[in-house]
All heavy atoms as atom14 arrays in JSON, in Angstrom:
{
  "sequence": "KQREFVASIRGNNEIKYDASVNRRFTISRDNAKNTVYLQMNSLK",
  "atom14_mask": [
    [1, 1, 1, 1, 1, 1, 1, 1, 1, 0, 0, 0, 0, 0],
    [1, 1, 1, 1, 1, 1, 1, 1, 1, 0, 0, 0, 0, 0],
    [1, 1, 1, 1, 1, 1, 1, 1, 1, 1, 1, 0, 0, 0],
    [1, 1, 1, 1, 1, 1, 1, 1, 1, 0, 0, 0, 0, 0],
    [1, 1, 1, 1, 1, 1, 1, 1, 1, 1, 1, 0, 0, 0],
    [1, 1, 1, 1, 1, 1, 1, 0, 0, 0, 0, 0, 0, 0],
    [1, 1, 1, 1, 1, 0, 0, 0, 0, 0, 0, 0, 0, 0],
    [1, 1, 1, 1, 1, 1, 0, 0, 0, 0, 0, 0, 0, 0],
    [1, 1, 1, 1, 1, 1, 1, 1, 0, 0, 0, 0, 0, 0],
    [1, 1, 1, 1, 1, 1, 1, 1, 1, 1, 1, 0, 0, 0],
    [1, 1, 1, 1, 0, 0, 0, 0, 0, 0, 0, 0, 0, 0],
    [1, 1, 1, 1, 1, 1, 1, 1, 0, 0, 0, 0, 0, 0],
    [1, 1, 1, 1, 1, 1, 1, 1, 0, 0, 0, 0, 0, 0],
    [1, 1, 1, 1, 1, 1, 1, 1, 1, 0, 0, 0, 0, 0],
    [1, 1, 1, 1, 1, 1, 1, 1, 0, 0, 0, 0, 0, 0],
    [1, 1, 1, 1, 1, 1, 1, 1, 1, 0, 0, 0, 0, 0],
    [1, 1, 1, 1, 1, 1, 1, 1, 1, 1, 1, 1, 0, 0],
    [1, 1, 1, 1, 1, 1, 1, 1, 0, 0, 0, 0, 0, 0],
    [1, 1, 1, 1, 1, 0, 0, 0, 0, 0, 0, 0, 0, 0],
    [1, 1, 1, 1, 1, 1, 0, 0, 0, 0, 0, 0, 0, 0],
    [1, 1, 1, 1, 1, 1, 1, 0, 0, 0, 0, 0, 0, 0],
    [1, 1, 1, 1, 1, 1, 1, 1, 0, 0, 0, 0, 0, 0],
    [1, 1, 1, 1, 1, 1, 1, 1, 1, 1, 1, 0, 0, 0],
    [1, 1, 1, 1, 1, 1, 1, 1, 1, 1, 1, 0, 0, 0],
    [1, 1, 1, 1, 1, 1, 1, 1, 1, 1, 1, 0, 0, 0],
    [1, 1, 1, 1, 1, 1, 1, 0, 0, 0, 0, 0, 0, 0],
    [1, 1, 1, 1, 1, 1, 1, 1, 0, 0, 0, 0, 0, 0],
    [1, 1, 1, 1, 1, 1, 0, 0, 0, 0, 0, 0, 0, 0],
    [1, 1, 1, 1, 1, 1, 1, 1, 1, 1, 1, 0, 0, 0],
    [1, 1, 1, 1, 1, 1, 1, 1, 0, 0, 0, 0, 0, 0],
    [1, 1, 1, 1, 1, 1, 1, 1, 0, 0, 0, 0, 0, 0],
    [1, 1, 1, 1, 1, 0, 0, 0, 0, 0, 0, 0, 0, 0],
    [1, 1, 1, 1, 1, 1, 1, 1, 1, 0, 0, 0, 0, 0],
    [1, 1, 1, 1, 1, 1, 1, 1, 0, 0, 0, 0, 0, 0],
    [1, 1, 1, 1, 1, 1, 1, 0, 0, 0, 0, 0, 0, 0],
    [1, 1, 1, 1, 1, 1, 1, 0, 0, 0, 0, 0, 0, 0],
    [1, 1, 1, 1, 1, 1, 1, 1, 1, 1, 1, 1, 0, 0],
    [1, 1, 1, 1, 1, 1, 1, 1, 0, 0, 0, 0, 0, 0],
    [1, 1, 1, 1, 1, 1, 1, 1, 1, 0, 0, 0, 0, 0],
    [1, 1, 1, 1, 1, 1, 1, 1, 0, 0, 0, 0, 0, 0],
    [1, 1, 1, 1, 1, 1, 1, 1, 0, 0, 0, 0, 0, 0],
    [1, 1, 1, 1, 1, 1, 0, 0, 0, 0, 0, 0, 0, 0],
    [1, 1, 1, 1, 1, 1, 1, 1, 0, 0, 0, 0, 0, 0],
    [1, 1, 1, 1, 1, 1, 1, 1, 1, 0, 0, 0, 0, 0]
  ],
  "atom14_positions": [
    [[163.3, 98.54, 77.65], [163.59, 99.95, 77.32], [164.77, 100.07, 76.35], [165.53, 99.1, 76.26], [163.91, 100.72, 78.62], [162.78, 100.81, 79.58], [163.16, 101.55, 80.83], [162.02, 101.62, 81.86], [162.47, 102.43, 83.03], [0.0, 0.0, 0.0], [0.0, 0.0, 0.0], [0.0, 0.0, 0.0], [0.0, 0.0, 0.0], [0.0, 0.0, 0.0]],
    [[164.89, 101.23, 75.75], [166.05, 101.51, 74.93], [167.23, 101.87, 75.85], [167.12, 102.3, 77.0], [165.77, 102.65, 74.01], [164.77, 102.3, 72.94], [164.66, 103.38, 71.84], [164.87, 104.57, 72.16], [164.3, 102.99, 70.63], [0.0, 0.0, 0.0], [0.0, 0.0, 0.0], [0.0, 0.0, 0.0], [0.0, 0.0, 0.0], [0.0, 0.0, 0.0]],
    [[168.42, 101.64, 75.32], [169.68, 102.04, 76.02], [169.63, 103.55, 76.2], [169.35, 104.32, 75.24], [170.89, 101.59, 75.25], [172.16, 101.57, 76.08], [173.31, 100.91, 75.36], [173.01, 99.44, 75.17], [173.9, 98.62, 74.72], [175.16, 99.05, 74.39], [173.61, 97.35, 74.51], [0.0, 0.0, 0.0], [0.0, 0.0, 0.0], [0.0, 0.0, 0.0]],
    [[170.02, 104.08, 77.4], [169.99, 105.5, 77.65], [171.26, 105.97, 78.39], [171.93, 105.19, 79.06], [168.77, 105.81, 78.51], [168.74, 105.19, 79.9], [167.55, 105.52, 80.7], [166.59, 106.1, 80.18], [167.61, 105.23, 81.93], [0.0, 0.0, 0.0], [0.0, 0.0, 0.0], [0.0, 0.0, 0.0], [0.0, 0.0, 0.0], [0.0, 0.0, 0.0]],
    [[171.57, 107.24, 78.14], [172.76, 107.81, 78.74], [172.55, 108.01, 80.25], [171.49, 108.33, 80.68], [172.99, 109.18, 78.07], [173.99, 110.04, 78.79], [175.34, 109.83, 78.53], [173.63, 111.02, 79.62], [176.31, 110.59, 79.13], [174.57, 111.87, 80.26], [175.91, 111.59, 80.04], [0.0, 0.0, 0.0], [0.0, 0.0, 0.0], [0.0, 0.0, 0.0]],
    [[173.62, 107.74, 81.01], [173.62, 107.94, 82.46], [174.53, 109.03, 82.88], [174.15, 109.95, 83.5], [173.99, 106.61, 83.16], [174.08, 106.81, 84.72], [173.02, 105.5, 82.83], [0.0, 0.0, 0.0], [0.0, 0.0, 0.0], [0.0, 0.0, 0.0], [0.0, 0.0, 0.0], [0.0, 0.0, 0.0], [0.0, 0.0, 0.0], [0.0, 0.0, 0.0]],
    [[175.84, 108.95, 82.47], [176.8, 109.9, 82.92], [178.0, 109.83, 82.04], [178.27, 108.77, 81.41], [177.17, 109.71, 84.42], [0.0, 0.0, 0.0], [0.0, 0.0, 0.0], [0.0, 0.0, 0.0], [0.0, 0.0, 0.0], [0.0, 0.0, 0.0], [0.0, 0.0, 0.0], [0.0, 0.0, 0.0], [0.0, 0.0, 0.0], [0.0, 0.0, 0.0]],
    [[178.79, 110.88, 81.96], [180.0, 110.87, 81.19], [181.07, 111.74, 81.9], [180.75, 112.68, 82.67], [179.84, 111.39, 79.77], [179.46, 112.75, 79.82], [0.0, 0.0, 0.0], [0.0, 0.0, 0.0], [0.0, 0.0, 0.0], [0.0, 0.0, 0.0], [0.0, 0.0, 0.0], [0.0, 0.0, 0.0], [0.0, 0.0, 0.0], [0.0, 0.0, 0.0]],
    [[182.33, 111.43, 81.63], [183.43, 112.23, 82.16], [184.49, 112.37, 81.15], [184.94, 111.41, 80.51], [183.95, 111.57, 83.47], [185.07, 112.4, 84.11], [184.41, 110.11, 83.26], [185.46, 112.0, 85.48], [0.0, 0.0, 0.0], [0.0, 0.0, 0.0], [0.0, 0.0, 0.0], [0.0, 0.0, 0.0], [0.0, 0.0, 0.0], [0.0, 0.0, 0.0]],
    [[184.91, 113.62, 80.93], [185.98, 113.87, 79.91], [187.37, 113.79, 80.56], [187.46, 113.7, 81.8], [185.77, 115.26, 79.32], [184.61, 115.36, 78.41], [184.53, 116.69, 77.65], [183.58, 116.7, 76.59], [183.43, 117.72, 75.78], [184.13, 118.81, 75.9], [182.48, 117.66, 74.81], [0.0, 0.0, 0.0], [0.0, 0.0, 0.0], [0.0, 0.0, 0.0]],
    [[188.34, 113.87, 79.68], [189.73, 113.81, 80.23], [190.06, 114.95, 81.15], [190.9, 114.83, 82.02], [0.0, 0.0, 0.0], [0.0, 0.0, 0.0], [0.0, 0.0, 0.0], [0.0, 0.0, 0.0], [0.0, 0.0, 0.0], [0.0, 0.0, 0.0], [0.0, 0.0, 0.0], [0.0, 0.0, 0.0], [0.0, 0.0, 0.0], [0.0, 0.0, 0.0]],
    [[189.38, 116.09, 80.92], [189.57, 117.24, 81.81], [188.71, 117.25, 83.0], [188.56, 118.24, 83.69], [189.41, 118.56, 80.98], [187.99, 118.69, 80.47], [187.15, 117.84, 80.7], [187.71, 119.82, 79.8], [0.0, 0.0, 0.0], [0.0, 0.0, 0.0], [0.0, 0.0, 0.0], [0.0, 0.0, 0.0], [0.0, 0.0, 0.0], [0.0, 0.0, 0.0]],
    [[188.01, 116.1, 83.23], [187.11, 115.89, 84.33], [185.79, 116.64, 84.21], [185.04, 116.77, 85.2], [187.76, 116.15, 85.69], [188.67, 114.96, 86.06], [188.4, 113.86, 85.77], [189.82, 115.37, 86.66], [0.0, 0.0, 0.0], [0.0, 0.0, 0.0], [0.0, 0.0, 0.0], [0.0, 0.0, 0.0], [0.0, 0.0, 0.0], [0.0, 0.0, 0.0]],
    [[185.47, 117.18, 83.02], [184.13, 117.72, 82.82], [183.16, 116.58, 82.91], [183.28, 115.62, 82.22], [184.05, 118.44, 81.49], [182.7, 119.07, 81.21], [182.65, 119.66, 79.79], [183.69, 120.07, 79.32], [181.54, 119.84, 79.29], [0.0, 0.0, 0.0], [0.0, 0.0, 0.0], [0.0, 0.0, 0.0], [0.0, 0.0, 0.0], [0.0, 0.0, 0.0]],
    [[182.04, 116.77, 83.7], [181.12, 115.71, 83.93], [179.65, 116.09, 83.51], [179.28, 117.3, 83.71], [181.16, 115.35, 85.45], [182.49, 114.61, 85.77], [179.97, 114.49, 85.84], [182.67, 114.37, 87.28], [0.0, 0.0, 0.0], [0.0, 0.0, 0.0], [0.0, 0.0, 0.0], [0.0, 0.0, 0.0], [0.0, 0.0, 0.0], [0.0, 0.0, 0.0]],
    [[178.95, 115.16, 83.02], [177.51, 115.32, 82.77], [176.72, 114.17, 83.34], [177.25, 113.02, 83.33], [177.3, 115.44, 81.21], [177.95, 116.58, 80.59], [177.66, 116.58, 79.04], [178.32, 117.78, 78.36], [178.09, 117.83, 76.95], [0.0, 0.0, 0.0], [0.0, 0.0, 0.0], [0.0, 0.0, 0.0], [0.0, 0.0, 0.0], [0.0, 0.0, 0.0]],
    [[175.53, 114.42, 83.76], [174.64, 113.42, 84.21], [173.25, 113.56, 83.55], [172.83, 114.67, 83.27], [174.45, 113.55, 85.71], [175.63, 113.34, 86.62], [176.32, 114.38, 87.14], [176.04, 111.98, 86.85], [177.42, 114.14, 87.96], [177.26, 111.78, 87.65], [177.87, 112.87, 88.15], [179.0, 112.65, 88.92], [0.0, 0.0, 0.0], [0.0, 0.0, 0.0]],
    [[172.64, 112.41, 83.45], [171.19, 112.49, 83.06], [170.43, 112.97, 84.3], [170.8, 112.68, 85.42], [170.69, 111.11, 82.64], [169.21, 111.16, 82.29], [168.97, 111.63, 81.17], [168.37, 110.75, 83.07], [0.0, 0.0, 0.0], [0.0, 0.0, 0.0], [0.0, 0.0, 0.0], [0.0, 0.0, 0.0], [0.0, 0.0, 0.0], [0.0, 0.0, 0.0]],
    [[169.33, 113.74, 84.04], [168.6, 114.29, 85.17], [168.06, 113.21, 86.15], [167.91, 113.45, 87.31], [167.44, 115.13, 84.62], [0.0, 0.0, 0.0], [0.0, 0.0, 0.0], [0.0, 0.0, 0.0], [0.0, 0.0, 0.0], [0.0, 0.0, 0.0], [0.0, 0.0, 0.0], [0.0, 0.0, 0.0], [0.0, 0.0, 0.0], [0.0, 0.0, 0.0]],
    [[167.82, 112.04, 85.6], [167.21, 110.95, 86.46], [168.19, 110.44, 87.53], [167.75, 109.87, 88.53], [166.72, 109.8, 85.58], [167.86, 109.18, 84.94], [0.0, 0.0, 0.0], [0.0, 0.0, 0.0], [0.0, 0.0, 0.0], [0.0, 0.0, 0.0], [0.0, 0.0, 0.0], [0.0, 0.0, 0.0], [0.0, 0.0, 0.0], [0.0, 0.0, 0.0]],
    [[169.45, 110.71, 87.34], [170.44, 110.18, 88.3], [171.21, 111.27, 88.98], [172.08, 110.98, 89.88], [171.44, 109.21, 87.61], [170.69, 108.12, 86.93], [172.39, 109.93, 86.67], [0.0, 0.0, 0.0], [0.0, 0.0, 0.0], [0.0, 0.0, 0.0], [0.0, 0.0, 0.0], [0.0, 0.0, 0.0], [0.0, 0.0, 0.0], [0.0, 0.0, 0.0]],
    [[171.0, 112.52, 88.57], [171.75, 113.66, 89.12], [171.54, 113.7, 90.65], [170.48, 113.52, 91.16], [171.33, 114.94, 88.53], [172.32, 116.02, 88.72], [173.48, 115.8, 89.01], [171.89, 117.28, 88.52], [0.0, 0.0, 0.0], [0.0, 0.0, 0.0], [0.0, 0.0, 0.0], [0.0, 0.0, 0.0], [0.0, 0.0, 0.0], [0.0, 0.0, 0.0]],
    [[172.61, 113.88, 91.39], [172.67, 114.0, 92.87], [172.58, 112.62, 93.54], [172.72, 112.55, 94.73], [171.54, 114.9, 93.44], [171.56, 116.32, 92.93], [170.51, 117.19, 93.53], [170.51, 118.49, 93.02], [171.22, 119.48, 93.48], [172.04, 119.27, 94.5], [171.16, 120.72, 92.98], [0.0, 0.0, 0.0], [0.0, 0.0, 0.0], [0.0, 0.0, 0.0]],
    [[172.41, 111.56, 92.77], [172.44, 110.19, 93.32], [173.62, 109.39, 92.88], [174.18, 108.56, 93.6], [171.12, 109.46, 93.01], [169.86, 110.08, 93.55], [168.65, 109.16, 93.33], [168.43, 108.88, 91.9], [168.4, 107.64, 91.39], [168.59, 106.57, 92.14], [168.14, 107.46, 90.09], [0.0, 0.0, 0.0], [0.0, 0.0, 0.0], [0.0, 0.0, 0.0]],
    [[173.98, 109.62, 91.59], [175.12, 108.87, 91.04], [176.32, 109.83, 90.92], [176.15, 111.05, 90.7], [174.75, 108.35, 89.64], [173.76, 107.21, 89.64], [173.05, 106.89, 90.76], [173.51, 106.57, 88.44], [172.13, 105.86, 90.74], [172.56, 105.53, 88.42], [171.88, 105.19, 89.51], [0.0, 0.0, 0.0], [0.0, 0.0, 0.0], [0.0, 0.0, 0.0]],
    [[177.54, 109.26, 91.05], [178.78, 110.01, 90.86], [179.7, 109.24, 89.93], [180.03, 108.09, 90.21], [179.44, 110.27, 92.2], [178.53, 110.98, 93.03], [180.73, 111.09, 91.99], [0.0, 0.0, 0.0], [0.0, 0.0, 0.0], [0.0, 0.0, 0.0], [0.0, 0.0, 0.0], [0.0, 0.0, 0.0], [0.0, 0.0, 0.0], [0.0, 0.0, 0.0]],
    [[180.13, 109.92, 88.82], [181.09, 109.32, 87.96], [182.45, 109.81, 88.28], [182.6, 110.99, 88.65], [180.71, 109.53, 86.46], [181.6, 108.7, 85.52], [180.8, 111.04, 86.07], [181.15, 108.74, 84.11], [0.0, 0.0, 0.0], [0.0, 0.0, 0.0], [0.0, 0.0, 0.0], [0.0, 0.0, 0.0], [0.0, 0.0, 0.0], [0.0, 0.0, 0.0]],
    [[183.46, 108.97, 88.21], [184.79, 109.41, 88.52], [185.77, 108.53, 87.71], [185.4, 107.55, 87.13], [185.16, 109.3, 90.05], [185.04, 107.95, 90.43], [0.0, 0.0, 0.0], [0.0, 0.0, 0.0], [0.0, 0.0, 0.0], [0.0, 0.0, 0.0], [0.0, 0.0, 0.0], [0.0, 0.0, 0.0], [0.0, 0.0, 0.0], [0.0, 0.0, 0.0]],
    [[187.04, 108.89, 87.71], [188.04, 108.13, 86.96], [189.33, 108.09, 87.71], [189.71, 109.0, 88.45], [188.22, 108.7, 85.52], [188.85, 110.14, 85.58], [188.69, 110.8, 84.18], [189.42, 110.08, 83.18], [189.08, 110.08, 81.87], [188.1, 110.73, 81.48], [189.85, 109.42, 81.01], [0.0, 0.0, 0.0], [0.0, 0.0, 0.0], [0.0, 0.0, 0.0]],
    [[190.1, 107.03, 87.43], [191.43, 106.87, 87.96], [192.36, 106.62, 86.75], [192.38, 105.44, 86.28], [191.51, 105.76, 88.97], [192.89, 105.62, 89.64], [193.87, 106.08, 89.02], [192.95, 105.02, 90.7], [0.0, 0.0, 0.0], [0.0, 0.0, 0.0], [0.0, 0.0, 0.0], [0.0, 0.0, 0.0], [0.0, 0.0, 0.0], [0.0, 0.0, 0.0]],
    [[193.05, 107.63, 86.29], [193.82, 107.45, 85.07], [194.97, 106.46, 85.26], [195.45, 105.79, 84.3], [194.33, 108.84, 84.6], [193.28, 109.7, 84.02], [192.22, 109.22, 83.65], [193.52, 110.98, 84.04], [0.0, 0.0, 0.0], [0.0, 0.0, 0.0], [0.0, 0.0, 0.0], [0.0, 0.0, 0.0], [0.0, 0.0, 0.0], [0.0, 0.0, 0.0]],
    [[195.46, 106.34, 86.51], [196.53, 105.39, 86.77], [196.12, 103.96, 86.58], [196.96, 103.1, 86.33], [197.11, 105.66, 88.16], [0.0, 0.0, 0.0], [0.0, 0.0, 0.0], [0.0, 0.0, 0.0], [0.0, 0.0, 0.0], [0.0, 0.0, 0.0], [0.0, 0.0, 0.0], [0.0, 0.0, 0.0], [0.0, 0.0, 0.0], [0.0, 0.0, 0.0]],
    [[194.8, 103.73, 86.76], [194.28, 102.37, 86.66], [193.44, 102.2, 85.36], [192.82, 101.13, 85.18], [193.46, 102.1, 87.88], [194.19, 102.03, 89.18], [193.29, 101.68, 90.33], [194.1, 101.64, 91.66], [193.24, 101.32, 92.78], [0.0, 0.0, 0.0], [0.0, 0.0, 0.0], [0.0, 0.0, 0.0], [0.0, 0.0, 0.0], [0.0, 0.0, 0.0]],
    [[193.41, 103.19, 84.46], [192.57, 103.09, 83.32], [191.15, 102.69, 83.63], [190.54, 101.88, 82.89], [193.19, 102.12, 82.28], [194.28, 102.74, 81.48], [194.9, 103.73, 81.87], [194.7, 102.13, 80.4], [0.0, 0.0, 0.0], [0.0, 0.0, 0.0], [0.0, 0.0, 0.0], [0.0, 0.0, 0.0], [0.0, 0.0, 0.0], [0.0, 0.0, 0.0]],
    [[190.62, 103.22, 84.7], [189.34, 102.8, 85.26], [188.39, 104.04, 85.41], [188.83, 105.01, 85.91], [189.53, 102.09, 86.55], [190.36, 100.91, 86.33], [188.17, 101.59, 87.08], [0.0, 0.0, 0.0], [0.0, 0.0, 0.0], [0.0, 0.0, 0.0], [0.0, 0.0, 0.0], [0.0, 0.0, 0.0], [0.0, 0.0, 0.0], [0.0, 0.0, 0.0]],
    [[187.17, 103.79, 85.0], [186.09, 104.73, 85.34], [185.12, 104.09, 86.25], [184.86, 102.89, 86.11], [185.49, 105.24, 84.02], [184.77, 104.13, 83.24], [184.4, 106.37, 84.33], [0.0, 0.0, 0.0], [0.0, 0.0, 0.0], [0.0, 0.0, 0.0], [0.0, 0.0, 0.0], [0.0, 0.0, 0.0], [0.0, 0.0, 0.0], [0.0, 0.0, 0.0]],
    [[184.58, 104.85, 87.18], [183.66, 104.32, 88.22], [182.31, 104.98, 88.1], [182.18, 106.1, 87.63], [184.22, 104.54, 89.59], [185.56, 103.96, 89.84], [186.79, 104.78, 89.69], [185.79, 102.64, 90.19], [188.03, 104.21, 89.95], [187.03, 102.11, 90.39], [188.12, 102.9, 90.26], [189.39, 102.35, 90.51], [0.0, 0.0, 0.0], [0.0, 0.0, 0.0]],
    [[181.3, 104.25, 88.56], [180.01, 104.89, 88.76], [179.5, 104.5, 90.18], [179.18, 103.31, 90.41], [178.95, 104.39, 87.72], [177.61, 105.1, 87.75], [177.75, 106.55, 87.36], [176.64, 104.39, 86.83], [0.0, 0.0, 0.0], [0.0, 0.0, 0.0], [0.0, 0.0, 0.0], [0.0, 0.0, 0.0], [0.0, 0.0, 0.0], [0.0, 0.0, 0.0]],
    [[179.54, 105.48, 91.05], [179.02, 105.28, 92.43], [177.56, 105.54, 92.38], [177.15, 106.7, 92.02], [179.74, 106.15, 93.38], [179.15, 106.08, 94.86], [179.45, 104.76, 95.49], [180.48, 104.16, 95.38], [178.45, 104.21, 96.15], [0.0, 0.0, 0.0], [0.0, 0.0, 0.0], [0.0, 0.0, 0.0], [0.0, 0.0, 0.0], [0.0, 0.0, 0.0]],
    [[176.69, 104.61, 92.78], [175.27, 104.82, 92.7], [174.73, 104.69, 94.13], [174.86, 103.7, 94.85], [174.66, 103.69, 91.84], [175.3, 103.65, 90.43], [174.47, 102.38, 89.4], [174.92, 100.89, 90.18], [0.0, 0.0, 0.0], [0.0, 0.0, 0.0], [0.0, 0.0, 0.0], [0.0, 0.0, 0.0], [0.0, 0.0, 0.0], [0.0, 0.0, 0.0]],
    [[174.08, 105.74, 94.61], [173.48, 105.84, 95.88], [171.95, 106.04, 95.78], [171.45, 106.38, 94.67], [174.03, 106.98, 96.69], [175.55, 106.81, 96.95], [176.06, 105.7, 97.05], [176.28, 107.92, 96.98], [0.0, 0.0, 0.0], [0.0, 0.0, 0.0], [0.0, 0.0, 0.0], [0.0, 0.0, 0.0], [0.0, 0.0, 0.0], [0.0, 0.0, 0.0]],
    [[171.24, 105.74, 96.86], [169.82, 105.93, 96.91], [169.13, 105.28, 95.7], [168.28, 105.81, 95.0], [169.45, 107.41, 96.88], [170.05, 108.06, 97.96], [0.0, 0.0, 0.0], [0.0, 0.0, 0.0], [0.0, 0.0, 0.0], [0.0, 0.0, 0.0], [0.0, 0.0, 0.0], [0.0, 0.0, 0.0], [0.0, 0.0, 0.0], [0.0, 0.0, 0.0]],
    [[169.51, 104.03, 95.49], [169.03, 103.29, 94.3], [167.58, 103.02, 94.39], [167.0, 102.79, 95.48], [169.82, 101.97, 94.17], [171.22, 102.16, 93.53], [172.03, 100.93, 93.88], [171.11, 102.44, 92.03], [0.0, 0.0, 0.0], [0.0, 0.0, 0.0], [0.0, 0.0, 0.0], [0.0, 0.0, 0.0], [0.0, 0.0, 0.0], [0.0, 0.0, 0.0]],
    [[166.88, 103.11, 93.24], [165.44, 102.91, 93.11], [165.21, 101.67, 92.21], [166.06, 101.33, 91.42], [164.82, 104.11, 92.52], [165.13, 105.42, 93.23], [164.53, 106.59, 92.48], [164.89, 107.92, 93.12], [164.3, 109.07, 92.37], [0.0, 0.0, 0.0], [0.0, 0.0, 0.0], [0.0, 0.0, 0.0], [0.0, 0.0, 0.0], [0.0, 0.0, 0.0]]
  ]
}
């Protein structure tokens, strides 16, 4: 498959998800650790 968008998070914490992962995946960030996370639940 081609590379596809999953989720994004802006500096103001505005978040977007692709419809295929909405309500299953959660994107978050920890600015103190320069880290962005992707929590994936109900994996298929």
